[in-house]
Protein backbone atom coordinates (compact mmCIF):
# COMPACT_ATOMS: atom_id res chain seq x y z
CA MET A 1 101.67 77.99 82.53
CA GLU A 2 102.71 81.02 80.51
CA TYR A 3 101.19 84.67 80.56
CA GLU A 4 101.12 87.58 78.24
CA THR A 5 101.42 90.65 80.27
CA LEU A 6 99.24 93.35 78.51
CA ALA A 7 99.86 96.26 80.86
CA SER A 8 101.71 96.82 84.16
CA GLU A 9 102.38 99.61 86.66
CA TYR A 10 104.71 99.79 89.81
CA LEU A 11 104.27 101.33 92.98
CA ASP A 12 107.15 101.54 95.40
CA TYR A 13 106.99 101.73 99.01
CA GLY A 14 109.32 101.35 101.92
CA ARG A 15 113.02 100.97 101.65
CA ASN A 16 113.11 98.62 98.80
CA LYS A 17 109.63 97.24 98.11
CA PHE A 18 107.21 97.38 95.35
CA LEU A 19 103.61 96.27 94.25
CA GLU A 20 103.16 95.43 90.77
CA LEU A 21 99.65 95.72 89.31
CA SER A 22 99.21 94.10 85.96
CA LYS A 23 96.72 92.84 83.53
CA LYS A 24 97.62 89.34 81.95
CA LYS A 25 96.43 86.64 79.68
CA PRO A 26 97.15 82.98 80.00
CA LEU A 27 98.63 81.52 76.68
CA PRO A 28 97.50 80.34 74.35
CA ASP A 29 93.99 81.29 74.99
CA GLY A 30 92.49 82.35 78.25
CA GLU A 31 90.57 84.86 80.12
CA VAL A 32 92.25 88.13 80.78
CA PHE A 33 92.81 88.73 84.66
CA LEU A 34 94.28 91.34 86.80
CA ASN A 35 97.18 90.63 89.17
CA LEU A 36 98.66 92.19 92.19
CA SER A 37 102.23 90.90 93.09
CA LYS A 38 104.32 91.97 95.92
CA GLY A 39 108.24 92.09 95.73
CA TYR A 40 111.35 93.74 96.56
CA TYR A 41 114.55 95.11 94.92
CA THR A 42 117.76 93.43 95.30
CA PRO A 43 120.88 95.38 96.06
CA GLU A 44 121.73 95.29 92.16
CA GLY A 45 118.18 96.90 91.69
CA GLU A 46 116.64 93.86 90.12
CA ARG A 47 112.93 93.02 91.02
CA ARG A 48 112.30 89.90 92.90
CA TYR A 49 108.72 88.85 93.43
CA GLN A 50 107.41 87.16 96.70
CA LYS A 51 103.62 86.73 96.46
CA GLY A 52 100.82 87.47 94.14
CA ILE A 53 97.02 87.40 93.88
CA GLY A 54 94.76 87.27 90.61
CA PHE A 55 91.30 88.42 90.30
CA PRO A 56 88.73 89.06 87.80
CA ASN A 57 89.05 91.72 84.97
CA ASP A 58 85.65 92.80 85.99
CA GLU A 59 84.52 96.48 86.07
CA LYS A 60 82.03 95.98 89.05
CA PHE A 61 84.69 94.00 91.00
CA VAL A 62 87.51 96.55 90.37
CA LYS A 63 85.18 99.31 91.57
CA GLU A 64 84.21 97.56 94.61
CA LEU A 65 87.82 96.84 95.48
CA ILE A 66 88.75 100.40 95.02
CA ASP A 67 85.82 101.62 97.25
CA LYS A 68 86.89 99.11 100.07
CA LEU A 69 90.43 100.25 100.02
CA LYS A 70 89.24 103.79 100.27
CA GLU A 71 87.10 102.83 103.22
CA ILE A 72 89.65 101.08 105.22
CA SER A 73 92.24 103.80 104.65
CA GLY A 74 89.98 106.45 105.92
CA ASP A 75 89.43 108.40 102.84
C-alpha cells in the first residue's frame, strides 16, 4: 500500500534514535491517520525505520493520548 505523507516531525533521543510523528493518507483514496514510527540513524546519517503504529486522526483521541502521556510522565 502506498501513502502520501501530509506532515511529519522528528524527535531525536538517545545516541542515534528518533521518533517520527506523521500524518498520512493511503492512496488513492483513504482515511487520513496519524503514525508514530521508531527508528535509528545509520553511521552515514540515513534514517532506518524499525516499528510503527497508526491511530485515528481524531481530535478527542489525540487529546486523550496526550493527557495519558502527561499522566505517566509525572507532569
